[in-house]
Amino acid sequence: MRRVVLLLTTLLVAFTCAVKAGDLTELEIKKAQKLYVAKCAKCHKLYEPGNYTDAEWQSWMAKMIRKARLKPDQAKLLTRFLDETRAETKTK
């Protein structure tokens, strides 16, 4: 269990560093991280968003938004957070 918590913490720090400070507020980033862990990592491992093509990622997001039963505002925040993460990962 400690290894899982450590892994989640490490990945969330990496995702936070990847998101541009001006695009999401600190509060939005924290909310998105909590949402990501609660709704995504609850059922499967955390995937690196930059490892997928745009089409693959959009397809997975559409499926997982429905499966996780995200409310529209949750889906929008999580999508913004992960899109920023993907954009930063691709440019590095």
PDB file of N, CA and C in Angstrom:
ATOM      1  N   MET A   1       0.812  -1.191   0.000  1.00  0.00           N
ATOM      2  CA  MET A   1       0.000   0.000   0.000  1.00  0.00           C
ATOM      3  C   MET A   1       0.860   1.261   0.000  1.00  0.00           C
ATOM      4  N   ARG A   2       1.932   1.248   0.782  1.00  0.00           N
ATOM      5  CA  ARG A   2       2.815   2.420   0.824  1.00  0.00           C
ATOM      6  C   ARG A   2       3.433   2.684  -0.541  1.00  0.00           C
ATOM      7  N   ARG A   3       3.741   1.614  -1.276  1.00  0.00           N
ATOM      8  CA  ARG A   3       4.333   1.777  -2.607  1.00  0.00           C
ATOM      9  C   ARG A   3       3.346   2.439  -3.554  1.00  0.00           C
ATOM     10  N   VAL A   4       2.071   2.071  -3.447  1.00  0.00           N
ATOM     11  CA  VAL A   4       1.045   2.654  -4.314  1.00  0.00           C
ATOM     12  C   VAL A   4       0.893   4.141  -4.009  1.00  0.00           C
ATOM     13  N   VAL A   5       0.842   4.490  -2.729  1.00  0.00           N
ATOM     14  CA  VAL A   5       0.714   5.898  -2.343  1.00  0.00           C
ATOM     15  C   VAL A   5       1.930   6.688  -2.821  1.00  0.00           C
ATOM     16  N   LEU A   6       3.117   6.129  -2.672  1.00  0.00           N
ATOM     17  CA  LEU A   6       4.333   6.800  -3.127  1.00  0.00           C
ATOM     18  C   LEU A   6       4.306   6.998  -4.642  1.00  0.00           C
ATOM     19  N   LEU A   7       3.882   5.972  -5.366  1.00  0.00           N
ATOM     20  CA  LEU A   7       3.800   6.071  -6.820  1.00  0.00           C
ATOM     21  C   LEU A   7       2.800   7.145  -7.221  1.00  0.00           C
ATOM     22  N   LEU A   8       1.631   7.156  -6.593  1.00  0.00           N
ATOM     23  CA  LEU A   8       0.617   8.158  -6.917  1.00  0.00           C
ATOM     24  C   LEU A   8       1.127   9.561  -6.642  1.00  0.00           C
ATOM     25  N   THR A   9       1.771   9.733  -5.524  1.00  0.00           N
ATOM     26  CA  THR A   9       2.326  11.045  -5.175  1.00  0.00           C
ATOM     27  C   THR A   9       3.365  11.485  -6.191  1.00  0.00           C
ATOM     28  N   THR A  10       4.250  10.592  -6.572  1.00  0.00           N
ATOM     29  CA  THR A  10       5.290  10.904  -7.551  1.00  0.00           C
ATOM     30  C   THR A  10       4.683  11.298  -8.889  1.00  0.00           C
ATOM     31  N   LEU A  11       3.697  10.544  -9.338  1.00  0.00           N
ATOM     32  CA  LEU A  11       3.060  10.849 -10.614  1.00  0.00           C
ATOM     33  C   LEU A  11       2.307  12.175 -10.563  1.00  0.00           C
ATOM     34  N   LEU A  12       1.636  12.442  -9.466  1.00  0.00           N
ATOM     35  CA  LEU A  12       0.909  13.705  -9.364  1.00  0.00           C
ATOM     36  C   LEU A  12       1.854  14.895  -9.347  1.00  0.00           C
ATOM     37  N   VAL A  13       2.981  14.767  -8.700  1.00  0.00           N
ATOM     38  CA  VAL A  13       3.984  15.840  -8.716  1.00  0.00           C
ATOM     39  C   VAL A  13       4.472  16.052 -10.136  1.00  0.00           C
ATOM     40  N   ALA A  14       4.737  14.970 -10.852  1.00  0.00           N
ATOM     41  CA  ALA A  14       5.200  15.072 -12.242  1.00  0.00           C
ATOM     42  C   ALA A  14       4.142  15.742 -13.109  1.00  0.00           C
ATOM     43  N   PHE A  15       2.867  15.368 -12.943  1.00  0.00           N
ATOM     44  CA  PHE A  15       1.794  15.978 -13.716  1.00  0.00           C
ATOM     45  C   PHE A  15       1.666  17.458 -13.388  1.00  0.00           C
ATOM     46  N   THR A  16       1.768  17.797 -12.116  1.00  0.00           N
ATOM     47  CA  THR A  16       1.658  19.197 -11.714  1.00  0.00           C
ATOM     48  C   THR A  16       2.776  20.023 -12.328  1.00  0.00           C
ATOM     49  N   CYS A  17       3.969  19.500 -12.345  1.00  0.00           N
ATOM     50  CA  CYS A  17       5.107  20.210 -12.934  1.00  0.00           C
ATOM     51  C   CYS A  17       4.912  20.398 -14.431  1.00  0.00           C
ATOM     52  N   ALA A  18       4.207  19.472 -15.058  1.00  0.00           N
ATOM     53  CA  ALA A  18       4.012  19.541 -16.500  1.00  0.00           C
ATOM     54  C   ALA A  18       2.971  20.587 -16.888  1.00  0.00           C
ATOM     55  N   VAL A  19       2.070  20.920 -15.996  1.00  0.00           N
ATOM     56  CA  VAL A  19       1.005  21.868 -16.309  1.00  0.00           C
ATOM     57  C   VAL A  19       1.528  23.298 -16.181  1.00  0.00           C
ATOM     58  N   LYS A  20       1.277  24.114 -17.189  1.00  0.00           N
ATOM     59  CA  LYS A  20       1.705  25.514 -17.152  1.00  0.00           C
ATOM     60  C   LYS A  20       0.962  26.243 -16.042  1.00  0.00           C
ATOM     61  N   ALA A  21       1.676  27.030 -15.306  1.00  0.00           N
ATOM     62  CA  ALA A  21       1.096  27.732 -14.157  1.00  0.00           C
ATOM     63  C   ALA A  21      -0.033  28.669 -14.576  1.00  0.00           C
ATOM     64  N   GLY A  22       0.066  29.310 -15.728  1.00  0.00           N
ATOM     65  CA  GLY A  22      -0.939  30.283 -16.137  1.00  0.00           C
ATOM     66  C   GLY A  22      -2.229  29.694 -16.647  1.00  0.00           C
ATOM     67  N   ASP A  23      -2.242  28.431 -16.982  1.00  0.00           N
ATOM     68  CA  ASP A  23      -3.433  27.839 -17.586  1.00  0.00           C
ATOM     69  C   ASP A  23      -4.448  27.344 -16.569  1.00  0.00           C
ATOM     70  N   LEU A  24      -3.993  26.863 -15.442  1.00  0.00           N
ATOM     71  CA  LEU A  24      -4.871  26.389 -14.371  1.00  0.00           C
ATOM     72  C   LEU A  24      -4.416  27.017 -13.063  1.00  0.00           C
ATOM     73  N   THR A  25      -5.374  27.377 -12.242  1.00  0.00           N
ATOM     74  CA  THR A  25      -4.998  27.904 -10.945  1.00  0.00           C
ATOM     75  C   THR A  25      -4.493  26.770 -10.067  1.00  0.00           C
ATOM     76  N   GLU A  26      -3.833  27.137  -8.983  1.00  0.00           N
ATOM     77  CA  GLU A  26      -3.340  26.126  -8.042  1.00  0.00           C
ATOM     78  C   GLU A  26      -4.504  25.310  -7.489  1.00  0.00           C
ATOM     79  N   LEU A  27      -5.619  25.962  -7.203  1.00  0.00           N
ATOM     80  CA  LEU A  27      -6.802  25.270  -6.692  1.00  0.00           C
ATOM     81  C   LEU A  27      -7.354  24.292  -7.732  1.00  0.00           C
ATOM     82  N   GLU A  28      -7.400  24.715  -9.001  1.00  0.00           N
ATOM     83  CA  GLU A  28      -7.884  23.830 -10.061  1.00  0.00           C
ATOM     84  C   GLU A  28      -6.976  22.613 -10.216  1.00  0.00           C
ATOM     85  N   ILE A  29      -5.671  22.822 -10.116  1.00  0.00           N
ATOM     86  CA  ILE A  29      -4.729  21.716 -10.218  1.00  0.00           C
ATOM     87  C   ILE A  29      -4.955  20.723  -9.084  1.00  0.00           C
ATOM     88  N   LYS A  30      -5.116  21.228  -7.864  1.00  0.00           N
ATOM     89  CA  LYS A  30      -5.357  20.342  -6.718  1.00  0.00           C
ATOM     90  C   LYS A  30      -6.658  19.571  -6.877  1.00  0.00           C
ATOM     91  N   LYS A  31      -7.706  20.251  -7.337  1.00  0.00           N
ATOM     92  CA  LYS A  31      -8.991  19.575  -7.553  1.00  0.00           C
ATOM     93  C   LYS A  31      -8.859  18.506  -8.635  1.00  0.00           C
ATOM     94  N   ALA A  32      -8.153  18.834  -9.701  1.00  0.00           N
ATOM     95  CA  ALA A  32      -7.973  17.887 -10.802  1.00  0.00           C
ATOM     96  C   ALA A  32      -7.171  16.668 -10.342  1.00  0.00           C
ATOM     97  N   GLN A  33      -6.156  16.897  -9.529  1.00  0.00           N
ATOM     98  CA  GLN A  33      -5.363  15.780  -9.006  1.00  0.00           C
ATOM     99  C   GLN A  33      -6.223  14.858  -8.157  1.00  0.00           C
ATOM    100  N   LYS A  34      -7.018  15.436  -7.262  1.00  0.00           N
ATOM    101  CA  LYS A  34      -7.892  14.628  -6.407  1.00  0.00           C
ATOM    102  C   LYS A  34      -8.883  13.843  -7.250  1.00  0.00           C
ATOM    103  N   LEU A  35      -9.423  14.497  -8.250  1.00  0.00           N
ATOM    104  CA  LEU A  35     -10.375  13.859  -9.147  1.00  0.00           C
ATOM    105  C   LEU A  35      -9.722  12.717  -9.910  1.00  0.00           C
ATOM    106  N   TYR A  36      -8.511  12.949 -10.366  1.00  0.00           N
ATOM    107  CA  TYR A  36      -7.767  11.933 -11.117  1.00  0.00           C
ATOM    108  C   TYR A  36      -7.540  10.680 -10.274  1.00  0.00           C
ATOM    109  N   VAL A  37      -7.143  10.877  -9.038  1.00  0.00           N
ATOM    110  CA  VAL A  37      -6.910   9.737  -8.150  1.00  0.00           C
ATOM    111  C   VAL A  37      -8.231   9.053  -7.803  1.00  0.00           C
ATOM    112  N   ALA A  38      -9.248   9.839  -7.467  1.00  0.00           N
ATOM    113  CA  ALA A  38     -10.521   9.274  -7.027  1.00  0.00           C
ATOM    114  C   ALA A  38     -11.286   8.570  -8.144  1.00  0.00           C
ATOM    115  N   LYS A  39     -11.224   9.114  -9.333  1.00  0.00           N
ATOM    116  CA  LYS A  39     -12.046   8.569 -10.421  1.00  0.00           C
ATOM    117  C   LYS A  39     -11.270   7.717 -11.421  1.00  0.00           C
ATOM    118  N   CYS A  40      -9.980   7.909 -11.534  1.00  0.00           N
ATOM    119  CA  CYS A  40      -9.202   7.165 -12.532  1.00  0.00           C
ATOM    120  C   CYS A  40      -8.362   6.064 -11.878  1.00  0.00           C
ATOM    121  N   ALA A  41      -7.532   6.458 -10.932  1.00  0.00           N
ATOM    122  CA  ALA A  41      -6.620   5.507 -10.294  1.00  0.00           C
ATOM    123  C   ALA A  41      -7.362   4.520  -9.402  1.00  0.00           C
ATOM    124  N   LYS A  42      -8.583   4.803  -9.094  1.00  0.00           N
ATOM    125  CA  LYS A  42      -9.393   3.895  -8.294  1.00  0.00           C
ATOM    126  C   LYS A  42      -9.576   2.544  -9.006  1.00  0.00           C
ATOM    127  N   CYS A  43      -9.615   2.580 -10.328  1.00  0.00           N
ATOM    128  CA  CYS A  43      -9.898   1.367 -11.102  1.00  0.00           C
ATOM    129  C   CYS A  43      -8.708   0.829 -11.899  1.00  0.00           C
ATOM    130  N   HIS A  44      -7.750   1.675 -12.214  1.00  0.00           N
ATOM    131  CA  HIS A  44      -6.617   1.209 -13.026  1.00  0.00           C
ATOM    132  C   HIS A  44      -5.385   2.048 -12.735  1.00  0.00           C
ATOM    133  N   LYS A  45      -4.258   1.625 -13.287  1.00  0.00           N
ATOM    134  CA  LYS A  45      -3.013   2.364 -13.079  1.00  0.00           C
ATOM    135  C   LYS A  45      -3.114   3.742 -13.728  1.00  0.00           C
ATOM    136  N   LEU A  46      -2.232   4.620 -13.345  1.00  0.00           N
ATOM    137  CA  LEU A  46      -2.193   5.957 -13.925  1.00  0.00           C
ATOM    138  C   LEU A  46      -1.405   5.906 -15.233  1.00  0.00           C
ATOM    139  N   TYR A  47      -2.023   6.300 -16.304  1.00  0.00           N
ATOM    140  CA  TYR A  47      -1.390   6.268 -17.611  1.00  0.00           C
ATOM    141  C   TYR A  47      -0.738   7.607 -17.925  1.00  0.00           C
ATOM    142  N   GLU A  48       0.343   7.574 -18.662  1.00  0.00           N
ATOM    143  CA  GLU A  48       1.039   8.787 -19.100  1.00  0.00           C
ATOM    144  C   GLU A  48       0.295   9.339 -20.318  1.00  0.00           C
ATOM    145  N   PRO A  49      -0.390  10.473 -20.173  1.00  0.00           N
ATOM    146  CA  PRO A  49      -1.189  11.016 -21.275  1.00  0.00           C
ATOM    147  C   PRO A  49      -0.396  11.281 -22.549  1.00  0.00           C
ATOM    148  N   GLY A  50       0.877  11.616 -22.435  1.00  0.00           N
ATOM    149  CA  GLY A  50       1.690  11.925 -23.614  1.00  0.00           C
ATOM    150  C   GLY A  50       2.062  10.722 -24.459  1.00  0.00           C
ATOM    151  N   ASN A  51       1.761   9.516 -23.975  1.00  0.00           N
ATOM    152  CA  ASN A  51       2.101   8.301 -24.723  1.00  0.00           C
ATOM    153  C   ASN A  51       1.051   7.921 -25.760  1.00  0.00           C
ATOM    154  N   TYR A  52       0.029   8.727 -25.905  1.00  0.00           N
ATOM    155  CA  TYR A  52      -1.066   8.401 -26.817  1.00  0.00           C
ATOM    156  C   TYR A  52      -1.213   9.482 -27.877  1.00  0.00           C
ATOM    157  N   THR A  53      -1.665   9.074 -29.044  1.00  0.00           N
ATOM    158  CA  THR A  53      -1.963  10.055 -30.090  1.00  0.00           C
ATOM    159  C   THR A  53      -3.190  10.850 -29.654  1.00  0.00           C
ATOM    160  N   ASP A  54      -3.424  11.973 -30.294  1.00  0.00           N
ATOM    161  CA  ASP A  54      -4.592  12.781 -29.953  1.00  0.00           C
ATOM    162  C   ASP A  54      -5.883  11.982 -30.115  1.00  0.00           C
ATOM    163  N   ALA A  55      -6.001  11.241 -31.208  1.00  0.00           N
ATOM    164  CA  ALA A  55      -7.220  10.460 -31.461  1.00  0.00           C
ATOM    165  C   ALA A  55      -7.416   9.376 -30.403  1.00  0.00           C
ATOM    166  N   GLU A  56      -6.336   8.676 -30.059  1.00  0.00           N
ATOM    167  CA  GLU A  56      -6.423   7.635 -29.027  1.00  0.00           C
ATOM    168  C   GLU A  56      -6.844   8.246 -27.689  1.00  0.00           C
ATOM    169  N   TRP A  57      -6.197   9.347 -27.334  1.00  0.00           N
ATOM    170  CA  TRP A  57      -6.487   9.968 -26.045  1.00  0.00           C
ATOM    171  C   TRP A  57      -7.922  10.464 -25.978  1.00  0.00           C
ATOM    172  N   GLN A  58      -8.406  11.113 -27.035  1.00  0.00           N
ATOM    173  CA  GLN A  58      -9.782  11.619 -27.046  1.00  0.00           C
ATOM    174  C   GLN A  58     -10.779  10.469 -26.928  1.00  0.00           C
ATOM    175  N   SER A  59     -10.488   9.368 -27.594  1.00  0.00           N
ATOM    176  CA  SER A  59     -11.356   8.195 -27.514  1.00  0.00           C
ATOM    177  C   SER A  59     -11.409   7.637 -26.096  1.00  0.00           C
ATOM    178  N   TRP A  60     -10.244   7.500 -25.478  1.00  0.00           N
ATOM    179  CA  TRP A  60     -10.193   6.992 -24.102  1.00  0.00           C
ATOM    180  C   TRP A  60     -10.880   7.946 -23.132  1.00  0.00           C
ATOM    181  N   MET A  61     -10.656   9.228 -23.288  1.00  0.00           N
ATOM    182  CA  MET A  61     -11.277  10.204 -22.396  1.00  0.00           C
ATOM    183  C   MET A  61     -12.804  10.136 -22.495  1.00  0.00           C
ATOM    184  N   ALA A  62     -13.321  10.045 -23.701  1.00  0.00           N
ATOM    185  CA  ALA A  62     -14.779   9.965 -23.876  1.00  0.00           C
ATOM    186  C   ALA A  62     -15.338   8.724 -23.176  1.00  0.00           C
ATOM    187  N   LYS A  63     -14.671   7.596 -23.340  1.00  0.00           N
ATOM    188  CA  LYS A  63     -15.123   6.351 -22.698  1.00  0.00           C
ATOM    189  C   LYS A  63     -15.030   6.445 -21.181  1.00  0.00           C
ATOM    190  N   MET A  64     -13.912   6.945 -20.698  1.00  0.00           N
ATOM    191  CA  MET A  64     -13.681   6.959 -19.256  1.00  0.00           C
ATOM    192  C   MET A  64     -14.523   8.018 -18.536  1.00  0.00           C
ATOM    193  N   ILE A  65     -14.827   9.124 -19.202  1.00  0.00           N
ATOM    194  CA  ILE A  65     -15.702  10.130 -18.614  1.00  0.00           C
ATOM    195  C   ILE A  65     -17.064   9.516 -18.336  1.00  0.00           C
ATOM    196  N   ARG A  66     -17.570   8.744 -19.291  1.00  0.00           N
ATOM    197  CA  ARG A  66     -18.857   8.068 -19.086  1.00  0.00           C
ATOM    198  C   ARG A  66     -18.748   6.997 -18.004  1.00  0.00           C
ATOM    199  N   LYS A  67     -17.707   6.176 -18.100  1.00  0.00           N
ATOM    200  CA  LYS A  67     -17.545   5.061 -17.163  1.00  0.00           C
ATOM    201  C   LYS A  67     -17.349   5.553 -15.723  1.00  0.00           C
ATOM    202  N   ALA A  68     -16.611   6.636 -15.543  1.00  0.00           N
ATOM    203  CA  ALA A  68     -16.358   7.193 -14.209  1.00  0.00           C
ATOM    204  C   ALA A  68     -17.531   8.033 -13.708  1.00  0.00           C
ATOM    205  N   ARG A  69     -18.512   8.243 -14.584  1.00  0.00           N
ATOM    206  CA  ARG A  69     -19.702   9.027 -14.245  1.00  0.00           C
ATOM    207  C   ARG A  69     -19.328  10.428 -13.746  1.00  0.00           C
ATOM    208  N   LEU A  70     -18.437  11.057 -14.504  1.00  0.00           N
ATOM    209  CA  LEU A  70     -18.026  12.413 -14.158  1.00  0.00           C
ATOM    210  C   LEU A  70     -19.141  13.397 -14.486  1.00  0.00           C
ATOM    211  N   LYS A  71     -19.329  14.359 -13.604  1.00  0.00           N
ATOM    212  CA  LYS A  71     -20.252  15.451 -13.878  1.00  0.00           C
ATOM    213  C   LYS A  71     -19.598  16.333 -14.932  1.00  0.00           C
ATOM    214  N   PRO A  72     -20.401  17.111 -15.676  1.00  0.00           N
ATOM    215  CA  PRO A  72     -19.819  17.940 -16.743  1.00  0.00           C
ATOM    216  C   PRO A  72     -18.676  18.846 -16.281  1.00  0.00           C
ATOM    217  N   ASP A  73     -18.818  19.478 -15.104  1.00  0.00           N
ATOM    218  CA  ASP A  73     -17.746  20.356 -14.628  1.00  0.00           C
ATOM    219  C   ASP A  73     -16.498  19.560 -14.251  1.00  0.00           C
ATOM    220  N   GLN A  74     -16.680  18.343 -13.733  1.00  0.00           N
ATOM    221  CA  GLN A  74     -15.541  17.482 -13.414  1.00  0.00           C
ATOM    222  C   GLN A  74     -14.828  17.044 -14.691  1.00  0.00           C
ATOM    223  N   ALA A  75     -15.611  16.658 -15.689  1.00  0.00           N
ATOM    224  CA  ALA A  75     -15.035  16.225 -16.966  1.00  0.00           C
ATOM    225  C   ALA A  75     -14.242  17.356 -17.613  1.00  0.00           C
ATOM    226  N   LYS A  76     -14.779  18.561 -17.554  1.00  0.00           N
ATOM    227  CA  LYS A  76     -14.097  19.718 -18.143  1.00  0.00           C
ATOM    228  C   LYS A  76     -12.777  19.995 -17.433  1.00  0.00           C
ATOM    229  N   LEU A  77     -12.780  19.996 -16.091  1.00  0.00           N
ATOM    230  CA  LEU A  77     -11.564  20.259 -15.331  1.00  0.00           C
ATOM    231  C   LEU A  77     -10.515  19.185 -15.574  1.00  0.00           C
ATOM    232  N   LEU A  78     -10.921  17.932 -15.502  1.00  0.00           N
ATOM    233  CA  LEU A  78      -9.965  16.833 -15.700  1.00  0.00           C
ATOM    234  C   LEU A  78      -9.409  16.845 -17.121  1.00  0.00           C
ATOM    235  N   THR A  79     -10.251  17.136 -18.082  1.00  0.00           N
ATOM    236  CA  THR A  79      -9.801  17.213 -19.474  1.00  0.00           C
ATOM    237  C   THR A  79      -8.790  18.341 -19.651  1.00  0.00           C
ATOM    238  N   ARG A  80      -9.072  19.504 -19.089  1.00  0.00           N
ATOM    239  CA  ARG A  80      -8.123  20.628 -19.174  1.00  0.00           C
ATOM    240  C   ARG A  80      -6.785  20.258 -18.551  1.00  0.00           C
ATOM    241  N   PHE A  81      -6.836  19.662 -17.366  1.00  0.00           N
ATOM    242  CA  PHE A  81      -5.626  19.266 -16.648  1.00  0.00           C
ATOM    243  C   PHE A  81      -4.801  18.275 -17.466  1.00  0.00           C
ATOM    244  N   LEU A  82      -5.448  17.255 -17.982  1.00  0.00           N
ATOM    245  CA  LEU A  82      -4.716  16.232 -18.735  1.00  0.00           C
ATOM    246  C   LEU A  82      -4.287  16.726 -20.115  1.00  0.00           C
ATOM    247  N   ASP A  83      -5.075  17.594 -20.728  1.00  0.00           N
ATOM    248  CA  ASP A  83      -4.661  18.171 -22.011  1.00  0.00           C
ATOM    249  C   ASP A  83      -3.406  19.018 -21.840  1.00  0.00           C
ATOM    250  N   GLU A  84      -3.332  19.796 -20.766  1.00  0.00           N
ATOM    251  CA  GLU A  84      -2.126  20.583 -20.504  1.00  0.00           C
ATOM    252  C   GLU A  84      -0.932  19.665 -20.253  1.00  0.00           C
ATOM    253  N   THR A  85      -1.168  18.614 -19.506  1.00  0.00           N
ATOM    254  CA  THR A  85      -0.112  17.640 -19.230  1.00  0.00           C
ATOM    255  C   THR A  85       0.383  17.017 -20.527  1.00  0.00           C
ATOM    256  N   ARG A  86      -0.542  16.642 -21.389  1.00  0.00           N
ATOM    257  CA  ARG A  86      -0.176  16.036 -22.683  1.00  0.00           C
ATOM    258  C   ARG A  86       0.614  17.035 -23.529  1.00  0.00           C
ATOM    259  N   ALA A  87       0.168  18.275 -23.565  1.00  0.00           N
ATOM    260  CA  ALA A  87       0.830  19.291 -24.395  1.00  0.00           C
ATOM    261  C   ALA A  87       2.264  19.507 -23.917  1.00  0.00           C
ATOM    262  N   GLU A  88       2.446  19.600 -22.619  1.00  0.00           N
ATOM    263  CA  GLU A  88       3.799  19.811 -22.068  1.00  0.00           C
ATOM    264  C   GLU A  88       4.675  18.589 -22.288  1.00  0.00           C
ATOM    265  N   THR A  89       4.122  17.408 -22.153  1.00  0.00           N
ATOM    266  CA  THR A  89       4.885  16.165 -22.330  1.00  0.00           C
ATOM    267  C   THR A  89       5.357  16.041 -23.783  1.00  0.00           C
ATOM    268  N   LYS A  90       4.505  16.425 -24.722  1.00  0.00           N
ATOM    269  CA  LYS A  90       4.837  16.320 -26.144  1.00  0.00           C
ATOM    270  C   LYS A  90       5.959  17.281 -26.546  1.00  0.00           C
ATOM    271  N   THR A  91       6.020  18.441 -25.903  1.00  0.00           N
ATOM    272  CA  THR A  91       7.013  19.442 -26.317  1.00  0.00           C
ATOM    273  C   THR A  91       8.388  19.190 -25.712  1.00  0.00           C
ATOM    274  N   LYS A  92       8.491  18.290 -24.781  1.00  0.00           N
ATOM    275  CA  LYS A  92       9.783  18.033 -24.131  1.00  0.00           C
ATOM    276  C   LYS A  92      10.573  16.988 -24.856  1.00  0.00           C
TER     277      LYS A  92
END
